[in-house]
Amino acid sequence: MTSHCLRESCEGVSALAAFIPFESPLAAAALGLLLGGVSTLVSLRASRLVTPEDPTRGFALVIGLMGLRLLVTLIALAAYFFFARPGFAAFAAAVVVSFIGGLALEAVKLSRTPSNQEGGR
């Protein structure tokens, strides 16, 4: 693949592009929402690793998973920017919206007291 193919549309560069039009705003937004949703689920699952028995270990694992989440998101944004630039705006907007929505969901879920989480009053 030449740099010419990175800047302009090249026929036959990727077989996957024939099935998923990455440059389409709808497909880009769907992939961005998927990435944001998956990263939110990873974050919610990671918060369960903090236990009273070993909170330091759990906290270190959460920090590592948050860093990995950030790294994967940055790599995905860079890949979209360089390889499917026409769909980048929709992809980035969907990632940002789903990330903020995920943070709001995490804040609400984690702000509940233990008695509220178990159904008590």
PDB file of N, CA and C in Angstrom:
ATOM      1  N   MET A   1       0.850  -1.169   0.000  1.00  0.00           N
ATOM      2  CA  MET A   1       0.000   0.000   0.000  1.00  0.00           C
ATOM      3  C   MET A   1       0.894   1.230   0.000  1.00  0.00           C
ATOM      4  N   THR A   2       0.623   2.145  -0.889  1.00  0.00           N
ATOM      5  CA  THR A   2       1.425   3.359  -0.976  1.00  0.00           C
ATOM      6  C   THR A   2       0.754   4.480  -0.206  1.00  0.00           C
ATOM      7  N   SER A   3       1.502   5.572  -0.017  1.00  0.00           N
ATOM      8  CA  SER A   3       0.913   6.724   0.665  1.00  0.00           C
ATOM      9  C   SER A   3      -0.215   7.312  -0.179  1.00  0.00           C
ATOM     10  N   HIS A   4      -0.164   7.092  -1.499  1.00  0.00           N
ATOM     11  CA  HIS A   4      -1.243   7.543  -2.378  1.00  0.00           C
ATOM     12  C   HIS A   4      -2.556   6.882  -1.977  1.00  0.00           C
ATOM     13  N   CYS A   5      -2.508   5.601  -1.619  1.00  0.00           N
ATOM     14  CA  CYS A   5      -3.714   4.872  -1.226  1.00  0.00           C
ATOM     15  C   CYS A   5      -4.238   5.335   0.119  1.00  0.00           C
ATOM     16  N   LEU A   6      -3.380   5.884   0.964  1.00  0.00           N
ATOM     17  CA  LEU A   6      -3.833   6.375   2.253  1.00  0.00           C
ATOM     18  C   LEU A   6      -4.597   7.685   2.110  1.00  0.00           C
ATOM     19  N   ARG A   7      -4.217   8.485   1.113  1.00  0.00           N
ATOM     20  CA  ARG A   7      -4.845   9.793   0.952  1.00  0.00           C
ATOM     21  C   ARG A   7      -6.074   9.751   0.055  1.00  0.00           C
ATOM     22  N   GLU A   8      -6.121   8.828  -0.869  1.00  0.00           N
ATOM     23  CA  GLU A   8      -7.231   8.761  -1.806  1.00  0.00           C
ATOM     24  C   GLU A   8      -7.841   7.371  -1.766  1.00  0.00           C
ATOM     25  N   SER A   9      -9.043   7.270  -2.251  1.00  0.00           N
ATOM     26  CA  SER A   9      -9.725   5.981  -2.276  1.00  0.00           C
ATOM     27  C   SER A   9      -9.053   5.068  -3.293  1.00  0.00           C
ATOM     28  N   CYS A  10      -8.635   3.894  -2.853  1.00  0.00           N
ATOM     29  CA  CYS A  10      -7.995   2.923  -3.734  1.00  0.00           C
ATOM     30  C   CYS A  10      -8.846   1.672  -3.791  1.00  0.00           C
ATOM     31  N   GLU A  11      -9.106   1.210  -4.968  1.00  0.00           N
ATOM     32  CA  GLU A  11      -9.889  -0.007  -5.152  1.00  0.00           C
ATOM     33  C   GLU A  11      -9.074  -1.213  -4.714  1.00  0.00           C
ATOM     34  N   GLY A  12      -9.695  -2.124  -3.993  1.00  0.00           N
ATOM     35  CA  GLY A  12      -9.071  -3.382  -3.640  1.00  0.00           C
ATOM     36  C   GLY A  12      -8.017  -3.307  -2.550  1.00  0.00           C
ATOM     37  N   VAL A  13      -7.940  -2.204  -1.817  1.00  0.00           N
ATOM     38  CA  VAL A  13      -6.936  -2.091  -0.767  1.00  0.00           C
ATOM     39  C   VAL A  13      -7.267  -3.027   0.377  1.00  0.00           C
ATOM     40  N   SER A  14      -8.534  -3.133   0.727  1.00  0.00           N
ATOM     41  CA  SER A  14      -8.921  -3.961   1.853  1.00  0.00           C
ATOM     42  C   SER A  14     -10.182  -4.740   1.515  1.00  0.00           C
ATOM     43  N   ALA A  15     -10.151  -6.039   1.735  1.00  0.00           N
ATOM     44  CA  ALA A  15     -11.341  -6.854   1.508  1.00  0.00           C
ATOM     45  C   ALA A  15     -12.402  -6.536   2.548  1.00  0.00           C
ATOM     46  N   LEU A  16     -11.967  -6.148   3.753  1.00  0.00           N
ATOM     47  CA  LEU A  16     -12.908  -5.819   4.812  1.00  0.00           C
ATOM     48  C   LEU A  16     -13.716  -4.571   4.472  1.00  0.00           C
ATOM     49  N   ALA A  17     -13.103  -3.642   3.759  1.00  0.00           N
ATOM     50  CA  ALA A  17     -13.797  -2.413   3.391  1.00  0.00           C
ATOM     51  C   ALA A  17     -14.980  -2.681   2.471  1.00  0.00           C
ATOM     52  N   ALA A  18     -14.971  -3.793   1.771  1.00  0.00           N
ATOM     53  CA  ALA A  18     -16.098  -4.143   0.918  1.00  0.00           C
ATOM     54  C   ALA A  18     -17.322  -4.528   1.749  1.00  0.00           C
ATOM     55  N   PHE A  19     -17.098  -5.067   2.946  1.00  0.00           N
ATOM     56  CA  PHE A  19     -18.199  -5.485   3.804  1.00  0.00           C
ATOM     57  C   PHE A  19     -18.642  -4.396   4.771  1.00  0.00           C
ATOM     58  N   ILE A  20     -17.706  -3.618   5.279  1.00  0.00           N
ATOM     59  CA  ILE A  20     -18.023  -2.534   6.207  1.00  0.00           C
ATOM     60  C   ILE A  20     -17.463  -1.249   5.610  1.00  0.00           C
ATOM     61  N   PRO A  21     -18.332  -0.350   5.156  1.00  0.00           N
ATOM     62  CA  PRO A  21     -17.839   0.915   4.598  1.00  0.00           C
ATOM     63  C   PRO A  21     -17.402   1.857   5.720  1.00  0.00           C
ATOM     64  N   PHE A  22     -16.134   1.755   6.125  1.00  0.00           N
ATOM     65  CA  PHE A  22     -15.624   2.510   7.261  1.00  0.00           C
ATOM     66  C   PHE A  22     -15.753   4.017   7.079  1.00  0.00           C
ATOM     67  N   GLU A  23     -15.779   4.472   5.832  1.00  0.00           N
ATOM     68  CA  GLU A  23     -15.868   5.905   5.582  1.00  0.00           C
ATOM     69  C   GLU A  23     -17.297   6.414   5.673  1.00  0.00           C
ATOM     70  N   SER A  24     -18.274   5.525   5.709  1.00  0.00           N
ATOM     71  CA  SER A  24     -19.669   5.927   5.852  1.00  0.00           C
ATOM     72  C   SER A  24     -19.901   6.482   7.253  1.00  0.00           C
ATOM     73  N   PRO A  25     -20.549   7.648   7.363  1.00  0.00           N
ATOM     74  CA  PRO A  25     -20.791   8.219   8.698  1.00  0.00           C
ATOM     75  C   PRO A  25     -21.617   7.301   9.603  1.00  0.00           C
ATOM     76  N   LEU A  26     -22.559   6.588   9.041  1.00  0.00           N
ATOM     77  CA  LEU A  26     -23.388   5.694   9.851  1.00  0.00           C
ATOM     78  C   LEU A  26     -22.558   4.533  10.412  1.00  0.00           C
ATOM     79  N   ALA A  27     -21.746   3.913   9.564  1.00  0.00           N
ATOM     80  CA  ALA A  27     -20.890   2.815  10.022  1.00  0.00           C
ATOM     81  C   ALA A  27     -19.849   3.328  11.019  1.00  0.00           C
ATOM     82  N   ALA A  28     -19.302   4.504  10.743  1.00  0.00           N
ATOM     83  CA  ALA A  28     -18.298   5.079  11.647  1.00  0.00           C
ATOM     84  C   ALA A  28     -18.907   5.362  13.017  1.00  0.00           C
ATOM     85  N   ALA A  29     -20.116   5.930  13.026  1.00  0.00           N
ATOM     86  CA  ALA A  29     -20.779   6.222  14.296  1.00  0.00           C
ATOM     87  C   ALA A  29     -21.107   4.935  15.048  1.00  0.00           C
ATOM     88  N   ALA A  30     -21.554   3.915  14.335  1.00  0.00           N
ATOM     89  CA  ALA A  30     -21.868   2.635  14.982  1.00  0.00           C
ATOM     90  C   ALA A  30     -20.617   2.019  15.599  1.00  0.00           C
ATOM     91  N   LEU A  31     -19.494   2.068  14.876  1.00  0.00           N
ATOM     92  CA  LEU A  31     -18.242   1.535  15.416  1.00  0.00           C
ATOM     93  C   LEU A  31     -17.751   2.356  16.614  1.00  0.00           C
ATOM     94  N   GLY A  32     -17.939   3.663  16.547  1.00  0.00           N
ATOM     95  CA  GLY A  32     -17.566   4.521  17.673  1.00  0.00           C
ATOM     96  C   GLY A  32     -18.390   4.225  18.908  1.00  0.00           C
ATOM     97  N   LEU A  33     -19.704   4.025  18.726  1.00  0.00           N
ATOM     98  CA  LEU A  33     -20.562   3.669  19.855  1.00  0.00           C
ATOM     99  C   LEU A  33     -20.194   2.300  20.410  1.00  0.00           C
ATOM    100  N   LEU A  34     -19.858   1.375  19.527  1.00  0.00           N
ATOM    101  CA  LEU A  34     -19.446   0.046  19.972  1.00  0.00           C
ATOM    102  C   LEU A  34     -18.167   0.124  20.806  1.00  0.00           C
ATOM    103  N   LEU A  35     -17.190   0.884  20.332  1.00  0.00           N
ATOM    104  CA  LEU A  35     -15.948   1.046  21.082  1.00  0.00           C
ATOM    105  C   LEU A  35     -16.210   1.688  22.442  1.00  0.00           C
ATOM    106  N   GLY A  36     -17.033   2.725  22.463  1.00  0.00           N
ATOM    107  CA  GLY A  36     -17.354   3.386  23.727  1.00  0.00           C
ATOM    108  C   GLY A  36     -18.106   2.467  24.676  1.00  0.00           C
ATOM    109  N   GLY A  37     -19.028   1.685  24.140  1.00  0.00           N
ATOM    110  CA  GLY A  37     -19.781   0.748  24.976  1.00  0.00           C
ATOM    111  C   GLY A  37     -18.910  -0.340  25.563  1.00  0.00           C
ATOM    112  N   VAL A  38     -18.041  -0.888  24.746  1.00  0.00           N
ATOM    113  CA  VAL A  38     -17.140  -1.945  25.225  1.00  0.00           C
ATOM    114  C   VAL A  38     -16.184  -1.388  26.272  1.00  0.00           C
ATOM    115  N   SER A  39     -15.664  -0.194  26.053  1.00  0.00           N
ATOM    116  CA  SER A  39     -14.736   0.381  27.030  1.00  0.00           C
ATOM    117  C   SER A  39     -15.450   0.708  28.340  1.00  0.00           C
ATOM    118  N   THR A  40     -16.724   1.082  28.270  1.00  0.00           N
ATOM    119  CA  THR A  40     -17.500   1.324  29.493  1.00  0.00           C
ATOM    120  C   THR A  40     -17.721   0.020  30.251  1.00  0.00           C
ATOM    121  N   LEU A  41     -18.025  -1.050  29.527  1.00  0.00           N
ATOM    122  CA  LEU A  41     -18.203  -2.344  30.190  1.00  0.00           C
ATOM    123  C   LEU A  41     -16.916  -2.815  30.853  1.00  0.00           C
ATOM    124  N   VAL A  42     -15.793  -2.603  30.190  1.00  0.00           N
ATOM    125  CA  VAL A  42     -14.499  -2.967  30.780  1.00  0.00           C
ATOM    126  C   VAL A  42     -14.287  -2.185  32.072  1.00  0.00           C
ATOM    127  N   SER A  43     -14.614  -0.911  32.045  1.00  0.00           N
ATOM    128  CA  SER A  43     -14.433  -0.074  33.221  1.00  0.00           C
ATOM    129  C   SER A  43     -15.343  -0.508  34.372  1.00  0.00           C
ATOM    130  N   LEU A  44     -16.598  -0.820  34.050  1.00  0.00           N
ATOM    131  CA  LEU A  44     -17.520  -1.269  35.096  1.00  0.00           C
ATOM    132  C   LEU A  44     -17.075  -2.592  35.702  1.00  0.00           C
ATOM    133  N   ARG A  45     -16.595  -3.489  34.871  1.00  0.00           N
ATOM    134  CA  ARG A  45     -16.103  -4.781  35.371  1.00  0.00           C
ATOM    135  C   ARG A  45     -14.829  -4.586  36.201  1.00  0.00           C
ATOM    136  N   ALA A  46     -14.000  -3.655  35.793  1.00  0.00           N
ATOM    137  CA  ALA A  46     -12.744  -3.417  36.511  1.00  0.00           C
ATOM    138  C   ALA A  46     -13.005  -2.912  37.921  1.00  0.00           C
ATOM    139  N   SER A  47     -14.055  -2.140  38.113  1.00  0.00           N
ATOM    140  CA  SER A  47     -14.335  -1.617  39.453  1.00  0.00           C
ATOM    141  C   SER A  47     -14.661  -2.725  40.440  1.00  0.00           C
ATOM    142  N   ARG A  48     -15.063  -3.876  39.949  1.00  0.00           N
ATOM    143  CA  ARG A  48     -15.342  -5.010  40.831  1.00  0.00           C
ATOM    144  C   ARG A  48     -14.066  -5.675  41.356  1.00  0.00           C
ATOM    145  N   LEU A  49     -12.928  -5.334  40.795  1.00  0.00           N
ATOM    146  CA  LEU A  49     -11.666  -5.924  41.229  1.00  0.00           C
ATOM    147  C   LEU A  49     -11.170  -5.348  42.552  1.00  0.00           C
ATOM    148  N   VAL A  50     -11.724  -4.194  42.946  1.00  0.00           N
ATOM    149  CA  VAL A  50     -11.342  -3.593  44.222  1.00  0.00           C
ATOM    150  C   VAL A  50     -12.144  -4.287  45.319  1.00  0.00           C
ATOM    151  N   THR A  51     -11.438  -5.003  46.179  1.00  0.00           N
ATOM    152  CA  THR A  51     -12.094  -5.763  47.236  1.00  0.00           C
ATOM    153  C   THR A  51     -11.546  -5.325  48.596  1.00  0.00           C
ATOM    154  N   PRO A  52     -12.327  -5.544  49.659  1.00  0.00           N
ATOM    155  CA  PRO A  52     -11.835  -5.194  50.997  1.00  0.00           C
ATOM    156  C   PRO A  52     -10.595  -6.003  51.406  1.00  0.00           C
ATOM    157  N   GLU A  53     -10.456  -7.204  50.843  1.00  0.00           N
ATOM    158  CA  GLU A  53      -9.321  -8.052  51.200  1.00  0.00           C
ATOM    159  C   GLU A  53      -7.998  -7.484  50.691  1.00  0.00           C
ATOM    160  N   ASP A  54      -7.987  -6.930  49.489  1.00  0.00           N
ATOM    161  CA  ASP A  54      -6.764  -6.381  48.903  1.00  0.00           C
ATOM    162  C   ASP A  54      -7.101  -5.184  48.016  1.00  0.00           C
ATOM    163  N   PRO A  55      -7.441  -4.047  48.638  1.00  0.00           N
ATOM    164  CA  PRO A  55      -7.849  -2.883  47.843  1.00  0.00           C
ATOM    165  C   PRO A  55      -6.720  -2.297  46.991  1.00  0.00           C
ATOM    166  N   THR A  56      -5.479  -2.399  47.458  1.00  0.00           N
ATOM    167  CA  THR A  56      -4.354  -1.835  46.707  1.00  0.00           C
ATOM    168  C   THR A  56      -4.164  -2.568  45.380  1.00  0.00           C
ATOM    169  N   ARG A  57      -4.220  -3.887  45.428  1.00  0.00           N
ATOM    170  CA  ARG A  57      -4.090  -4.686  44.198  1.00  0.00           C
ATOM    171  C   ARG A  57      -5.234  -4.366  43.235  1.00  0.00           C
ATOM    172  N   GLY A  58      -6.454  -4.305  43.758  1.00  0.00           N
ATOM    173  CA  GLY A  58      -7.606  -4.009  42.921  1.00  0.00           C
ATOM    174  C   GLY A  58      -7.511  -2.636  42.287  1.00  0.00           C
ATOM    175  N   PHE A  59      -7.056  -1.654  43.084  1.00  0.00           N
ATOM    176  CA  PHE A  59      -6.917  -0.307  42.565  1.00  0.00           C
ATOM    177  C   PHE A  59      -5.852  -0.252  41.475  1.00  0.00           C
ATOM    178  N   ALA A  60      -4.749  -0.970  41.665  1.00  0.00           N
ATOM    179  CA  ALA A  60      -3.698  -1.011  40.644  1.00  0.00           C
ATOM    180  C   ALA A  60      -4.217  -1.645  39.353  1.00  0.00           C
ATOM    181  N   LEU A  61      -5.018  -2.695  39.469  1.00  0.00           N
ATOM    182  CA  LEU A  61      -5.602  -3.324  38.272  1.00  0.00           C
ATOM    183  C   LEU A  61      -6.558  -2.374  37.557  1.00  0.00           C
ATOM    184  N   VAL A  62      -7.352  -1.632  38.324  1.00  0.00           N
ATOM    185  CA  VAL A  62      -8.280  -0.663  37.725  1.00  0.00           C
ATOM    186  C   VAL A  62      -7.497   0.412  36.975  1.00  0.00           C
ATOM    187  N   ILE A  63      -6.423   0.908  37.571  1.00  0.00           N
ATOM    188  CA  ILE A  63      -5.596   1.918  36.901  1.00  0.00           C
ATOM    189  C   ILE A  63      -5.014   1.357  35.605  1.00  0.00           C
ATOM    190  N   GLY A  64      -4.522   0.121  35.652  1.00  0.00           N
ATOM    191  CA  GLY A  64      -3.977  -0.497  34.444  1.00  0.00           C
ATOM    192  C   GLY A  64      -5.018  -0.665  33.348  1.00  0.00           C
ATOM    193  N   LEU A  65      -6.218  -1.095  33.723  1.00  0.00           N
ATOM    194  CA  LEU A  65      -7.274  -1.271  32.729  1.00  0.00           C
ATOM    195  C   LEU A  65      -7.750   0.071  32.177  1.00  0.00           C
ATOM    196  N   MET A  66      -7.764   1.108  33.002  1.00  0.00           N
ATOM    197  CA  MET A  66      -8.135   2.443  32.520  1.00  0.00           C
ATOM    198  C   MET A  66      -7.096   2.953  31.518  1.00  0.00           C
ATOM    199  N   GLY A  67      -5.820   2.714  31.815  1.00  0.00           N
ATOM    200  CA  GLY A  67      -4.772   3.110  30.881  1.00  0.00           C
ATOM    201  C   GLY A  67      -4.876   2.356  29.568  1.00  0.00           C
ATOM    202  N   LEU A  68      -5.179   1.060  29.655  1.00  0.00           N
ATOM    203  CA  LEU A  68      -5.362   0.251  28.451  1.00  0.00           C
ATOM    204  C   LEU A  68      -6.569   0.740  27.650  1.00  0.00           C
ATOM    205  N   ARG A  69      -7.624   1.090  28.344  1.00  0.00           N
ATOM    206  CA  ARG A  69      -8.833   1.631  27.700  1.00  0.00           C
ATOM    207  C   ARG A  69      -8.488   2.914  26.933  1.00  0.00           C
ATOM    208  N   LEU A  70      -7.731   3.790  27.565  1.00  0.00           N
ATOM    209  CA  LEU A  70      -7.325   5.035  26.914  1.00  0.00           C
ATOM    210  C   LEU A  70      -6.432   4.768  25.707  1.00  0.00           C
ATOM    211  N   LEU A  71      -5.485   3.863  25.853  1.00  0.00           N
ATOM    212  CA  LEU A  71      -4.567   3.537  24.761  1.00  0.00           C
ATOM    213  C   LEU A  71      -5.311   2.955  23.551  1.00  0.00           C
ATOM    214  N   VAL A  72      -6.223   2.028  23.800  1.00  0.00           N
ATOM    215  CA  VAL A  72      -6.995   1.425  22.706  1.00  0.00           C
ATOM    216  C   VAL A  72      -7.839   2.493  22.000  1.00  0.00           C
ATOM    217  N   THR A  73      -8.434   3.391  22.764  1.00  0.00           N
ATOM    218  CA  THR A  73      -9.246   4.447  22.170  1.00  0.00           C
ATOM    219  C   THR A  73      -8.388   5.388  21.329  1.00  0.00           C
ATOM    220  N   LEU A  74      -7.224   5.763  21.830  1.00  0.00           N
ATOM    221  CA  LEU A  74      -6.342   6.641  21.058  1.00  0.00           C
ATOM    222  C   LEU A  74      -5.846   5.974  19.780  1.00  0.00           C
ATOM    223  N   ILE A  75      -5.535   4.691  19.855  1.00  0.00           N
ATOM    224  CA  ILE A  75      -5.097   3.960  18.664  1.00  0.00           C
ATOM    225  C   ILE A  75      -6.237   3.887  17.645  1.00  0.00           C
ATOM    226  N   ALA A  76      -7.458   3.622  18.117  1.00  0.00           N
ATOM    227  CA  ALA A  76      -8.603   3.551  17.208  1.00  0.00           C
ATOM    228  C   ALA A  76      -8.869   4.908  16.554  1.00  0.00           C
ATOM    229  N   LEU A  77      -8.765   5.979  17.325  1.00  0.00           N
ATOM    230  CA  LEU A  77      -8.962   7.314  16.754  1.00  0.00           C
ATOM    231  C   LEU A  77      -7.883   7.631  15.717  1.00  0.00           C
ATOM    232  N   ALA A  78      -6.642   7.306  16.015  1.00  0.00           N
ATOM    233  CA  ALA A  78      -5.550   7.556  15.066  1.00  0.00           C
ATOM    234  C   ALA A  78      -5.727   6.717  13.804  1.00  0.00           C
ATOM    235  N   ALA A  79      -6.118   5.457  13.973  1.00  0.00           N
ATOM    236  CA  ALA A  79      -6.333   4.594  12.801  1.00  0.00           C
ATOM    237  C   ALA A  79      -7.449   5.149  11.925  1.00  0.00           C
ATOM    238  N   TYR A  80      -8.531   5.572  12.545  1.00  0.00           N
ATOM    239  CA  TYR A  80      -9.626   6.148  11.756  1.00  0.00           C
ATOM    240  C   TYR A  80      -9.176   7.425  11.061  1.00  0.00           C
ATOM    241  N   PHE A  81      -8.393   8.237  11.748  1.00  0.00           N
ATOM    242  CA  PHE A  81      -7.923   9.489  11.158  1.00  0.00           C
ATOM    243  C   PHE A  81      -7.066   9.235   9.925  1.00  0.00           C
ATOM    244  N   PHE A  82      -6.176   8.246   9.999  1.00  0.00           N
ATOM    245  CA  PHE A  82      -5.260   8.006   8.890  1.00  0.00           C
ATOM    246  C   PHE A  82      -5.833   7.133   7.786  1.00  0.00           C
ATOM    247  N   PHE A  83      -6.711   6.189   8.116  1.00  0.00           N
ATOM    248  CA  PHE A  83      -7.169   5.226   7.110  1.00  0.00           C
ATOM    249  C   PHE A  83      -8.594   5.439   6.619  1.00  0.00           C
ATOM    250  N   ALA A  84      -9.411   6.148   7.347  1.00  0.00           N
ATOM    251  CA  ALA A  84     -10.807   6.375   6.925  1.00  0.00           C
ATOM    252  C   ALA A  84     -11.225   7.789   7.306  1.00  0.00           C
ATOM    253  N   ARG A  85     -10.454   8.745   6.862  1.00  0.00           N
ATOM    254  CA  ARG A  85     -10.661  10.135   7.266  1.00  0.00           C
ATOM    255  C   ARG A  85     -12.069  10.663   7.008  1.00  0.00           C
ATOM    256  N   PRO A  86     -12.752  10.314   5.912  1.00  0.00           N
ATOM    257  CA  PRO A  86     -14.120  10.841   5.729  1.00  0.00           C
ATOM    258  C   PRO A  86     -15.088  10.430   6.846  1.00  0.00           C
ATOM    259  N   GLY A  87     -14.835   9.313   7.508  1.00  0.00           N
ATOM    260  CA  GLY A  87     -15.707   8.879   8.591  1.00  0.00           C
ATOM    261  C   GLY A  87     -15.195   9.250   9.968  1.00  0.00           C
ATOM    262  N   PHE A  88     -14.051   9.951  10.015  1.00  0.00           N
ATOM    263  CA  PHE A  88     -13.422  10.244  11.305  1.00  0.00           C
ATOM    264  C   PHE A  88     -14.297  11.098  12.211  1.00  0.00           C
ATOM    265  N   ALA A  89     -14.929  12.136  11.670  1.00  0.00           N
ATOM    266  CA  ALA A  89     -15.733  13.036  12.516  1.00  0.00           C
ATOM    267  C   ALA A  89     -16.873  12.276  13.187  1.00  0.00           C
ATOM    268  N   ALA A  90     -17.564  11.437  12.433  1.00  0.00           N
ATOM    269  CA  ALA A  90     -18.670  10.658  13.014  1.00  0.00           C
ATOM    270  C   ALA A  90     -18.146   9.657  14.037  1.00  0.00           C
ATOM    271  N   PHE A  91     -17.032   9.011  13.728  1.00  0.00           N
ATOM    272  CA  PHE A  91     -16.440   8.039  14.651  1.00  0.00           C
ATOM    273  C   PHE A  91     -16.015   8.726  15.945  1.00  0.00           C
ATOM    274  N   ALA A  92     -15.286   9.825  15.828  1.00  0.00           N
ATOM    275  CA  ALA A  92     -14.796  10.537  17.014  1.00  0.00           C
ATOM    276  C   ALA A  92     -15.953  11.071  17.854  1.00  0.00           C
ATOM    277  N   ALA A  93     -16.968  11.627  17.198  1.00  0.00           N
ATOM    278  CA  ALA A  93     -18.125  12.147  17.939  1.00  0.00           C
ATOM    279  C   ALA A  93     -18.835  11.023  18.696  1.00  0.00           C
ATOM    280  N   ALA A  94     -18.995   9.877  18.053  1.00  0.00           N
ATOM    281  CA  ALA A  94     -19.659   8.748  18.710  1.00  0.00           C
ATOM    282  C   ALA A  94     -18.832   8.220  19.875  1.00  0.00           C
ATOM    283  N   VAL A  95     -17.514   8.178  19.718  1.00  0.00           N
ATOM    284  CA  VAL A  95     -16.646   7.727  20.817  1.00  0.00           C
ATOM    285  C   VAL A  95     -16.762   8.699  21.994  1.00  0.00           C
ATOM    286  N   VAL A  96     -16.719   9.993  21.714  1.00  0.00           N
ATOM    287  CA  VAL A  96     -16.810  10.998  22.774  1.00  0.00           C
ATOM    288  C   VAL A  96     -18.155  10.920  23.490  1.00  0.00           C
ATOM    289  N   VAL A  97     -19.251  10.844  22.731  1.00  0.00           N
ATOM    290  CA  VAL A  97     -20.586  10.777  23.328  1.00  0.00           C
ATOM    291  C   VAL A  97     -20.741   9.510  24.164  1.00  0.00           C
ATOM    292  N   SER A  98     -20.301   8.382  23.632  1.00  0.00           N
ATOM    293  CA  SER A  98     -20.441   7.140  24.389  1.00  0.00           C
ATOM    294  C   SER A  98     -19.516   7.128  25.604  1.00  0.00           C
ATOM    295  N   PHE A  99     -18.351   7.762  25.498  1.00  0.00           N
ATOM    296  CA  PHE A  99     -17.437   7.846  26.630  1.00  0.00           C
ATOM    297  C   PHE A  99     -18.054   8.691  27.741  1.00  0.00           C
ATOM    298  N   ILE A 100     -18.614   9.844  27.391  1.00  0.00           N
ATOM    299  CA  ILE A 100     -19.247  10.706  28.393  1.00  0.00           C
ATOM    300  C   ILE A 100     -20.475  10.021  28.982  1.00  0.00           C
ATOM    301  N   GLY A 101     -21.254   9.365  28.137  1.00  0.00           N
ATOM    302  CA  GLY A 101     -22.399   8.609  28.639  1.00  0.00           C
ATOM    303  C   GLY A 101     -21.963   7.492  29.568  1.00  0.00           C
ATOM    304  N   GLY A 102     -20.881   6.822  29.226  1.00  0.00           N
ATOM    305  CA  GLY A 102     -20.348   5.761  30.084  1.00  0.00           C
ATOM    306  C   GLY A 102     -19.865   6.294  31.414  1.00  0.00           C
ATOM    307  N   LEU A 103     -19.211   7.460  31.383  1.00  0.00           N
ATOM    308  CA  LEU A 103     -18.772   8.072  32.646  1.00  0.00           C
ATOM    309  C   LEU A 103     -19.969   8.434  33.518  1.00  0.00           C
ATOM    310  N   ALA A 104     -21.022   8.945  32.905  1.00  0.00           N
ATOM    311  CA  ALA A 104     -22.230   9.274  33.668  1.00  0.00           C
ATOM    312  C   ALA A 104     -22.845   8.016  34.265  1.00  0.00           C
ATOM    313  N   LEU A 105     -22.896   6.951  33.486  1.00  0.00           N
ATOM    314  CA  LEU A 105     -23.428   5.678  33.982  1.00  0.00           C
ATOM    315  C   LEU A 105     -22.589   5.156  35.139  1.00  0.00           C
ATOM    316  N   GLU A 106     -21.274   5.211  35.005  1.00  0.00           N
ATOM    317  CA  GLU A 106     -20.387   4.770  36.082  1.00  0.00           C
ATOM    318  C   GLU A 106     -20.578   5.616  37.332  1.00  0.00           C
ATOM    319  N   ALA A 107     -20.683   6.928  37.158  1.00  0.00           N
ATOM    320  CA  ALA A 107     -20.847   7.816  38.313  1.00  0.00           C
ATOM    321  C   ALA A 107     -22.138   7.504  39.060  1.00  0.00           C
ATOM    322  N   VAL A 108     -23.214   7.293  38.329  1.00  0.00           N
ATOM    323  CA  VAL A 108     -24.491   6.976  38.971  1.00  0.00           C
ATOM    324  C   VAL A 108     -24.416   5.622  39.659  1.00  0.00           C
ATOM    325  N   LYS A 109     -23.876   4.640  38.967  1.00  0.00           N
ATOM    326  CA  LYS A 109     -23.812   3.291  39.539  1.00  0.00           C
ATOM    327  C   LYS A 109     -22.905   3.236  40.763  1.00  0.00           C
ATOM    328  N   LEU A 110     -21.749   3.882  40.699  1.00  0.00           N
ATOM    329  CA  LEU A 110     -20.791   3.811  41.794  1.00  0.00           C
ATOM    330  C   LEU A 110     -21.123   4.765  42.940  1.00  0.00           C
ATOM    331  N   SER A 111     -22.020   5.716  42.716  1.00  0.00           N
ATOM    332  CA  SER A 111     -22.374   6.651  43.786  1.00  0.00           C
ATOM    333  C   SER A 111     -23.447   6.098  44.709  1.00  0.00           C
ATOM    334  N   ARG A 112     -24.058   5.007  44.341  1.00  0.00           N
ATOM    335  CA  ARG A 112     -25.076   4.409  45.196  1.00  0.00           C
ATOM    336  C   ARG A 112     -24.432   3.829  46.444  1.00  0.00           C
ATOM    337  N   THR A 113     -25.151   3.919  47.532  1.00  0.00           N
ATOM    338  CA  THR A 113     -24.663   3.303  48.764  1.00  0.00           C
ATOM    339  C   THR A 113     -24.904   1.793  48.672  1.00  0.00           C
ATOM    340  N   PRO A 114     -24.159   0.999  49.416  1.00  0.00           N
ATOM    341  CA  PRO A 114     -24.346  -0.464  49.358  1.00  0.00           C
ATOM    342  C   PRO A 114     -25.773  -0.885  49.661  1.00  0.00           C
ATOM    343  N   SER A 115     -26.468  -0.191  50.548  1.00  0.00           N
ATOM    344  CA  SER A 115     -27.845  -0.585  50.855  1.00  0.00           C
ATOM    345  C   SER A 115     -28.756  -0.331  49.659  1.00  0.00           C
ATOM    346  N   ASN A 116     -28.488   0.715  48.867  1.00  0.00           N
ATOM    347  CA  ASN A 116     -29.302   0.968  47.664  1.00  0.00           C
ATOM    348  C   ASN A 116     -29.017  -0.037  46.566  1.00  0.00           C
ATOM    349  N   GLN A 117     -27.787  -0.514  46.460  1.00  0.00           N
ATOM    350  CA  GLN A 117     -27.429  -1.453  45.418  1.00  0.00           C
ATOM    351  C   GLN A 117     -28.054  -2.810  45.657  1.00  0.00           C
ATOM    352  N   GLU A 118     -28.270  -3.165  46.919  1.00  0.00           N
ATOM    353  CA  GLU A 118     -28.834  -4.462  47.240  1.00  0.00           C
ATOM    354  C   GLU A 118     -30.351  -4.427  47.325  1.00  0.00           C
ATOM    355  N   GLY A 119     -30.951  -3.299  47.062  1.00  0.00           N
ATOM    356  CA  GLY A 119     -32.400  -3.204  47.101  1.00  0.00           C
ATOM    357  C   GLY A 119     -32.936  -2.754  48.444  1.00  0.00           C
ATOM    358  N   GLY A 120     -32.064  -2.477  49.402  1.00  0.00           N
ATOM    359  CA  GLY A 120     -32.503  -2.003  50.708  1.00  0.00           C
ATOM    360  C   GLY A 120     -32.806  -0.526  50.669  1.00  0.00           C
ATOM    361  N   ARG A 121     -33.356   0.001  51.767  1.00  0.00           N
ATOM    362  CA  ARG A 121     -33.675   1.438  51.817  1.00  0.00           C
ATOM    363  C   ARG A 121     -32.861   2.129  52.859  1.00  0.00           C
TER     364      ARG A 121
END
